[in-house]
């Protein structure tokens, strides 16, 4: 049975950055663009999982991005 971790990139409109919410122990990401977030996540998550699990075999990562914006009256 594969172990599944979750990572979510959430847009913080006040700080104007993408921030991580995750069950990967120790993972904290904050970036200006979603592309930067994905690149950093793909680098850090395997390293952290290897450190915490002793390897990467049998591990999957599901990730998604979400954000919201208000439509102001013109």
PDB file of N, CA and C in Angstrom:
ATOM      1  N   UNK A   1       0.840  -1.183   0.000  1.00  0.00           N
ATOM      2  CA  UNK A   1       0.000   0.000   0.000  1.00  0.00           C
ATOM      3  C   UNK A   1       0.887   1.249   0.000  1.00  0.00           C
ATOM      4  N   UNK A   2       0.606   2.155  -0.919  1.00  0.00           N
ATOM      5  CA  UNK A   2       1.383   3.385  -1.036  1.00  0.00           C
ATOM      6  C   UNK A   2       0.952   4.392   0.021  1.00  0.00           C
ATOM      7  N   UNK A   3       1.916   5.113   0.541  1.00  0.00           N
ATOM      8  CA  UNK A   3       1.627   6.207   1.464  1.00  0.00           C
ATOM      9  C   UNK A   3       1.415   7.456   0.623  1.00  0.00           C
ATOM     10  N   UNK A   4       0.355   8.194   0.900  1.00  0.00           N
ATOM     11  CA  UNK A   4       0.001   9.376   0.121  1.00  0.00           C
ATOM     12  C   UNK A   4       0.140  10.630   0.979  1.00  0.00           C
ATOM     13  N   UNK A   5       0.937  11.578   0.495  1.00  0.00           N
ATOM     14  CA  UNK A   5       1.071  12.890   1.121  1.00  0.00           C
ATOM     15  C   UNK A   5       0.322  13.907   0.278  1.00  0.00           C
ATOM     16  N   UNK A   6      -0.086  14.997   0.917  1.00  0.00           N
ATOM     17  CA  UNK A   6      -0.819  16.063   0.229  1.00  0.00           C
ATOM     18  C   UNK A   6      -0.088  17.394   0.407  1.00  0.00           C
ATOM     19  N   UNK A   7      -0.049  18.164  -0.670  1.00  0.00           N
ATOM     20  CA  UNK A   7       0.512  19.509  -0.645  1.00  0.00           C
ATOM     21  C   UNK A   7      -0.472  20.416  -1.373  1.00  0.00           C
ATOM     22  N   UNK A   8      -0.769  21.553  -0.762  1.00  0.00           N
ATOM     23  CA  UNK A   8      -1.638  22.524  -1.420  1.00  0.00           C
ATOM     24  C   UNK A   8      -0.937  23.874  -1.451  1.00  0.00           C
ATOM     25  N   UNK A   9      -0.969  24.507  -2.599  1.00  0.00           N
ATOM     26  CA  UNK A   9      -0.491  25.878  -2.752  1.00  0.00           C
ATOM     27  C   UNK A   9      -1.714  26.771  -2.610  1.00  0.00           C
ATOM     28  N   UNK A  10      -1.697  27.629  -1.610  1.00  0.00           N
ATOM     29  CA  UNK A  10      -2.828  28.539  -1.388  1.00  0.00           C
ATOM     30  C   UNK A  10      -2.367  29.973  -1.581  1.00  0.00           C
ATOM     31  N   UNK A  11      -3.150  30.724  -2.322  1.00  0.00           N
ATOM     32  CA  UNK A  11      -2.818  32.117  -2.586  1.00  0.00           C
ATOM     33  C   UNK A  11      -3.189  32.967  -1.380  1.00  0.00           C
ATOM     34  N   UNK A  12      -2.224  33.751  -0.888  1.00  0.00           N
ATOM     35  CA  UNK A  12      -2.456  34.699   0.195  1.00  0.00           C
ATOM     36  C   UNK A  12      -2.556  36.087  -0.438  1.00  0.00           C
ATOM     37  N   UNK A  13      -3.771  36.616  -0.581  1.00  0.00           N
ATOM     38  CA  UNK A  13      -3.935  37.885  -1.291  1.00  0.00           C
ATOM     39  C   UNK A  13      -3.320  39.075  -0.569  1.00  0.00           C
ATOM     40  N   UNK A  14      -3.234  39.016   0.753  1.00  0.00           N
ATOM     41  CA  UNK A  14      -2.641  40.134   1.490  1.00  0.00           C
ATOM     42  C   UNK A  14      -1.133  40.189   1.287  1.00  0.00           C
ATOM     43  N   UNK A  15      -0.473  39.026   1.395  1.00  0.00           N
ATOM     44  CA  UNK A  15       0.985  38.968   1.225  1.00  0.00           C
ATOM     45  C   UNK A  15       1.378  38.854  -0.241  1.00  0.00           C
ATOM     46  N   UNK A  16       0.409  38.502  -1.089  1.00  0.00           N
ATOM     47  CA  UNK A  16       0.643  38.312  -2.526  1.00  0.00           C
ATOM     48  C   UNK A  16       1.701  37.247  -2.795  1.00  0.00           C
ATOM     49  N   UNK A  17       1.530  36.099  -2.112  1.00  0.00           N
ATOM     50  CA  UNK A  17       2.422  34.952  -2.282  1.00  0.00           C
ATOM     51  C   UNK A  17       1.620  33.660  -2.221  1.00  0.00           C
ATOM     52  N   UNK A  18       2.191  32.614  -2.787  1.00  0.00           N
ATOM     53  CA  UNK A  18       1.662  31.260  -2.655  1.00  0.00           C
ATOM     54  C   UNK A  18       2.302  30.636  -1.420  1.00  0.00           C
ATOM     55  N   UNK A  19       1.498  30.072  -0.534  1.00  0.00           N
ATOM     56  CA  UNK A  19       1.996  29.428   0.681  1.00  0.00           C
ATOM     57  C   UNK A  19       1.532  27.982   0.710  1.00  0.00           C
ATOM     58  N   UNK A  20       2.321  27.141   1.370  1.00  0.00           N
ATOM     59  CA  UNK A  20       2.008  25.717   1.407  1.00  0.00           C
ATOM     60  C   UNK A  20       1.181  25.343   2.621  1.00  0.00           C
ATOM     61  N   UNK A  21       0.289  24.399   2.409  1.00  0.00           N
ATOM     62  CA  UNK A  21      -0.394  23.663   3.466  1.00  0.00           C
ATOM     63  C   UNK A  21      -0.137  22.211   3.116  1.00  0.00           C
ATOM     64  N   UNK A  22       0.376  21.443   4.086  1.00  0.00           N
ATOM     65  CA  UNK A  22       0.839  20.112   3.739  1.00  0.00           C
ATOM     66  C   UNK A  22       0.911  19.207   4.954  1.00  0.00           C
ATOM     67  N   UNK A  23       0.858  17.902   4.684  1.00  0.00           N
ATOM     68  CA  UNK A  23       1.117  16.929   5.746  1.00  0.00           C
ATOM     69  C   UNK A  23       2.527  16.337   5.621  1.00  0.00           C
ATOM     70  N   UNK A  24       3.353  16.931   4.760  1.00  0.00           N
ATOM     71  CA  UNK A  24       4.764  16.541   4.677  1.00  0.00           C
ATOM     72  C   UNK A  24       5.474  17.224   5.848  1.00  0.00           C
ATOM     73  N   UNK A  25       6.020  16.444   6.788  1.00  0.00           N
ATOM     74  CA  UNK A  25       6.642  17.044   7.967  1.00  0.00           C
ATOM     75  C   UNK A  25       7.745  18.040   7.606  1.00  0.00           C
ATOM     76  N   UNK A  26       7.622  19.255   8.144  1.00  0.00           N
ATOM     77  CA  UNK A  26       8.642  20.275   7.964  1.00  0.00           C
ATOM     78  C   UNK A  26       8.537  21.097   6.697  1.00  0.00           C
ATOM     79  N   UNK A  27       7.599  20.798   5.818  1.00  0.00           N
ATOM     80  CA  UNK A  27       7.513  21.520   4.550  1.00  0.00           C
ATOM     81  C   UNK A  27       6.883  22.893   4.747  1.00  0.00           C
ATOM     82  N   UNK A  28       7.620  23.923   4.399  1.00  0.00           N
ATOM     83  CA  UNK A  28       7.131  25.303   4.417  1.00  0.00           C
ATOM     84  C   UNK A  28       7.626  25.969   3.140  1.00  0.00           C
ATOM     85  N   UNK A  29       6.678  26.385   2.303  1.00  0.00           N
ATOM     86  CA  UNK A  29       7.021  27.039   1.042  1.00  0.00           C
ATOM     87  C   UNK A  29       6.239  28.339   0.950  1.00  0.00           C
ATOM     88  N   UNK A  30       6.903  29.390   0.480  1.00  0.00           N
ATOM     89  CA  UNK A  30       6.275  30.675   0.222  1.00  0.00           C
ATOM     90  C   UNK A  30       6.963  31.272  -0.999  1.00  0.00           C
ATOM     91  N   UNK A  31       6.220  31.442  -2.085  1.00  0.00           N
ATOM     92  CA  UNK A  31       6.808  31.939  -3.328  1.00  0.00           C
ATOM     93  C   UNK A  31       5.887  32.965  -3.992  1.00  0.00           C
ATOM     94  N   UNK A  32       6.476  33.755  -4.875  1.00  0.00           N
ATOM     95  CA  UNK A  32       5.728  34.791  -5.580  1.00  0.00           C
ATOM     96  C   UNK A  32       4.896  34.231  -6.735  1.00  0.00           C
ATOM     97  N   UNK A  33       5.343  33.127  -7.330  1.00  0.00           N
ATOM     98  CA  UNK A  33       4.618  32.565  -8.472  1.00  0.00           C
ATOM     99  C   UNK A  33       4.327  31.088  -8.247  1.00  0.00           C
ATOM    100  N   UNK A  34       3.315  30.622  -8.933  1.00  0.00           N
ATOM    101  CA  UNK A  34       2.959  29.207  -8.841  1.00  0.00           C
ATOM    102  C   UNK A  34       4.042  28.324  -9.458  1.00  0.00           C
ATOM    103  N   UNK A  35       4.690  28.806 -10.510  1.00  0.00           N
ATOM    104  CA  UNK A  35       5.779  28.050 -11.134  1.00  0.00           C
ATOM    105  C   UNK A  35       6.937  27.866 -10.154  1.00  0.00           C
ATOM    106  N   UNK A  36       7.264  28.920  -9.401  1.00  0.00           N
ATOM    107  CA  UNK A  36       8.315  28.811  -8.383  1.00  0.00           C
ATOM    108  C   UNK A  36       7.905  27.840  -7.285  1.00  0.00           C
ATOM    109  N   UNK A  37       6.630  27.893  -6.913  1.00  0.00           N
ATOM    110  CA  UNK A  37       6.126  26.984  -5.878  1.00  0.00           C
ATOM    111  C   UNK A  37       6.315  25.537  -6.320  1.00  0.00           C
ATOM    112  N   UNK A  38       5.874  25.227  -7.540  1.00  0.00           N
ATOM    113  CA  UNK A  38       5.981  23.852  -8.030  1.00  0.00           C
ATOM    114  C   UNK A  38       7.431  23.385  -8.091  1.00  0.00           C
ATOM    115  N   UNK A  39       8.320  24.232  -8.587  1.00  0.00           N
ATOM    116  CA  UNK A  39       9.728  23.856  -8.686  1.00  0.00           C
ATOM    117  C   UNK A  39      10.323  23.584  -7.309  1.00  0.00           C
ATOM    118  N   UNK A  40      10.042  24.444  -6.351  1.00  0.00           N
ATOM    119  CA  UNK A  40      10.572  24.263  -5.004  1.00  0.00           C
ATOM    120  C   UNK A  40       9.961  23.039  -4.326  1.00  0.00           C
ATOM    121  N   UNK A  41       8.657  22.826  -4.536  1.00  0.00           N
ATOM    122  CA  UNK A  41       7.988  21.654  -3.971  1.00  0.00           C
ATOM    123  C   UNK A  41       8.605  20.364  -4.517  1.00  0.00           C
ATOM    124  N   UNK A  42       8.851  20.320  -5.823  1.00  0.00           N
ATOM    125  CA  UNK A  42       9.433  19.115  -6.434  1.00  0.00           C
ATOM    126  C   UNK A  42      10.856  18.855  -5.951  1.00  0.00           C
ATOM    127  N   UNK A  43      11.533  19.886  -5.508  1.00  0.00           N
ATOM    128  CA  UNK A  43      12.876  19.726  -4.955  1.00  0.00           C
ATOM    129  C   UNK A  43      12.819  19.298  -3.483  1.00  0.00           C
ATOM    130  N   UNK A  44      12.001  19.986  -2.686  1.00  0.00           N
ATOM    131  CA  UNK A  44      12.004  19.775  -1.239  1.00  0.00           C
ATOM    132  C   UNK A  44      11.250  18.534  -0.779  1.00  0.00           C
ATOM    133  N   UNK A  45      10.098  18.253  -1.388  1.00  0.00           N
ATOM    134  CA  UNK A  45       9.271  17.146  -0.908  1.00  0.00           C
ATOM    135  C   UNK A  45      10.014  15.802  -0.949  1.00  0.00           C
ATOM    136  N   UNK A  46      10.670  15.424  -2.044  1.00  0.00           N
ATOM    137  CA  UNK A  46      11.388  14.143  -2.029  1.00  0.00           C
ATOM    138  C   UNK A  46      12.473  14.084  -0.949  1.00  0.00           C
ATOM    139  N   UNK A  47      13.180  15.204  -0.739  1.00  0.00           N
ATOM    140  CA  UNK A  47      14.215  15.236   0.291  1.00  0.00           C
ATOM    141  C   UNK A  47      13.612  15.035   1.680  1.00  0.00           C
ATOM    142  N   UNK A  48      12.522  15.714   1.965  1.00  0.00           N
ATOM    143  CA  UNK A  48      11.896  15.625   3.284  1.00  0.00           C
ATOM    144  C   UNK A  48      11.272  14.259   3.524  1.00  0.00           C
ATOM    145  N   UNK A  49      10.662  13.701   2.489  1.00  0.00           N
ATOM    146  CA  UNK A  49      10.068  12.375   2.642  1.00  0.00           C
ATOM    147  C   UNK A  49      11.159  11.339   2.852  1.00  0.00           C
ATOM    148  N   UNK A  50      12.246  11.454   2.125  1.00  0.00           N
ATOM    149  CA  UNK A  50      13.353  10.520   2.316  1.00  0.00           C
ATOM    150  C   UNK A  50      13.902  10.620   3.741  1.00  0.00           C
ATOM    151  N   UNK A  51      14.052  11.843   4.247  1.00  0.00           N
ATOM    152  CA  UNK A  51      14.537  12.036   5.616  1.00  0.00           C
ATOM    153  C   UNK A  51      13.571  11.437   6.643  1.00  0.00           C
ATOM    154  N   UNK A  52      12.259  11.579   6.416  1.00  0.00           N
ATOM    155  CA  UNK A  52      11.262  11.129   7.388  1.00  0.00           C
ATOM    156  C   UNK A  52      10.853   9.670   7.221  1.00  0.00           C
ATOM    157  N   UNK A  53      10.889   9.160   6.004  1.00  0.00           N
ATOM    158  CA  UNK A  53      10.441   7.798   5.726  1.00  0.00           C
ATOM    159  C   UNK A  53      11.602   6.828   5.535  1.00  0.00           C
ATOM    160  N   UNK A  54      12.806   7.357   5.380  1.00  0.00           N
ATOM    161  CA  UNK A  54      13.953   6.490   5.135  1.00  0.00           C
ATOM    162  C   UNK A  54      14.064   6.056   3.685  1.00  0.00           C
ATOM    163  N   UNK A  55      13.252   6.625   2.825  1.00  0.00           N
ATOM    164  CA  UNK A  55      13.272   6.306   1.400  1.00  0.00           C
ATOM    165  C   UNK A  55      12.032   6.860   0.733  1.00  0.00           C
ATOM    166  N   UNK A  56      12.003   6.765  -0.595  1.00  0.00           N
ATOM    167  CA  UNK A  56      10.870   7.310  -1.343  1.00  0.00           C
ATOM    168  C   UNK A  56      10.010   6.232  -1.985  1.00  0.00           C
ATOM    169  N   UNK A  57      10.418   4.986  -1.902  1.00  0.00           N
ATOM    170  CA  UNK A  57       9.637   3.910  -2.505  1.00  0.00           C
ATOM    171  C   UNK A  57       8.298   3.770  -1.782  1.00  0.00           C
ATOM    172  N   UNK A  58       7.249   3.584  -2.547  1.00  0.00           N
ATOM    173  CA  UNK A  58       5.928   3.398  -1.968  1.00  0.00           C
ATOM    174  C   UNK A  58       5.282   4.684  -1.477  1.00  0.00           C
ATOM    175  N   UNK A  59       5.797   5.833  -1.924  1.00  0.00           N
ATOM    176  CA  UNK A  59       5.257   7.119  -1.499  1.00  0.00           C
ATOM    177  C   UNK A  59       4.773   7.892  -2.721  1.00  0.00           C
ATOM    178  N   UNK A  60       3.584   8.475  -2.613  1.00  0.00           N
ATOM    179  CA  UNK A  60       3.042   9.341  -3.660  1.00  0.00           C
ATOM    180  C   UNK A  60       2.715  10.697  -3.050  1.00  0.00           C
ATOM    181  N   UNK A  61       2.732  11.724  -3.907  1.00  0.00           N
ATOM    182  CA  UNK A  61       2.399  13.070  -3.465  1.00  0.00           C
ATOM    183  C   UNK A  61       1.319  13.616  -4.390  1.00  0.00           C
ATOM    184  N   UNK A  62       0.238  14.069  -3.796  1.00  0.00           N
ATOM    185  CA  UNK A  62      -0.829  14.716  -4.544  1.00  0.00           C
ATOM    186  C   UNK A  62      -0.761  16.199  -4.214  1.00  0.00           C
ATOM    187  N   UNK A  63      -0.779  17.049  -5.229  1.00  0.00           N
ATOM    188  CA  UNK A  63      -0.738  18.474  -4.942  1.00  0.00           C
ATOM    189  C   UNK A  63      -1.753  19.222  -5.779  1.00  0.00           C
ATOM    190  N   UNK A  64      -2.189  20.350  -5.232  1.00  0.00           N
ATOM    191  CA  UNK A  64      -3.142  21.200  -5.936  1.00  0.00           C
ATOM    192  C   UNK A  64      -2.913  22.639  -5.535  1.00  0.00           C
ATOM    193  N   UNK A  65      -3.470  23.546  -6.314  1.00  0.00           N
ATOM    194  CA  UNK A  65      -3.374  24.969  -6.037  1.00  0.00           C
ATOM    195  C   UNK A  65      -4.768  25.537  -5.949  1.00  0.00           C
ATOM    196  N   UNK A  66      -4.963  26.488  -5.039  1.00  0.00           N
ATOM    197  CA  UNK A  66      -6.259  27.131  -4.930  1.00  0.00           C
ATOM    198  C   UNK A  66      -6.095  28.584  -4.539  1.00  0.00           C
ATOM    199  N   UNK A  67      -7.025  29.359  -4.964  1.00  0.00           N
ATOM    200  CA  UNK A  67      -7.025  30.775  -4.633  1.00  0.00           C
ATOM    201  C   UNK A  67      -8.392  31.357  -4.917  1.00  0.00           C
ATOM    202  N   UNK A  68      -8.585  32.581  -4.522  1.00  0.00           N
ATOM    203  CA  UNK A  68      -9.860  33.253  -4.737  1.00  0.00           C
ATOM    204  C   UNK A  68      -9.595  34.739  -4.947  1.00  0.00           C
ATOM    205  N   UNK A  69     -10.534  35.384  -5.593  1.00  0.00           N
ATOM    206  CA  UNK A  69     -10.446  36.827  -5.744  1.00  0.00           C
ATOM    207  C   UNK A  69     -11.833  37.412  -5.729  1.00  0.00           C
ATOM    208  N   UNK A  70     -11.925  38.653  -5.272  1.00  0.00           N
ATOM    209  CA  UNK A  70     -13.208  39.343  -5.190  1.00  0.00           C
ATOM    210  C   UNK A  70     -13.429  40.161  -6.458  1.00  0.00           C
ATOM    211  N   UNK A  71     -14.651  40.170  -6.909  1.00  0.00           N
ATOM    212  CA  UNK A  71     -15.035  41.003  -8.036  1.00  0.00           C
ATOM    213  C   UNK A  71     -15.601  42.296  -7.470  1.00  0.00           C
ATOM    214  N   UNK A  72     -14.893  43.360  -7.689  1.00  0.00           N
ATOM    215  CA  UNK A  72     -15.313  44.646  -7.162  1.00  0.00           C
ATOM    216  C   UNK A  72     -16.271  45.313  -8.145  1.00  0.00           C
ATOM    217  N   UNK A  73     -17.212  46.072  -7.596  1.00  0.00           N
ATOM    218  CA  UNK A  73     -18.117  46.850  -8.460  1.00  0.00           C
ATOM    219  C   UNK A  73     -17.316  47.927  -9.184  1.00  0.00           C
ATOM    220  N   UNK A  74     -17.551  48.066 -10.452  1.00  0.00           N
ATOM    221  CA  UNK A  74     -16.811  49.070 -11.246  1.00  0.00           C
ATOM    222  C   UNK A  74     -17.463  50.423 -11.158  1.00  0.00           C
TER     223      UNK A  74
END
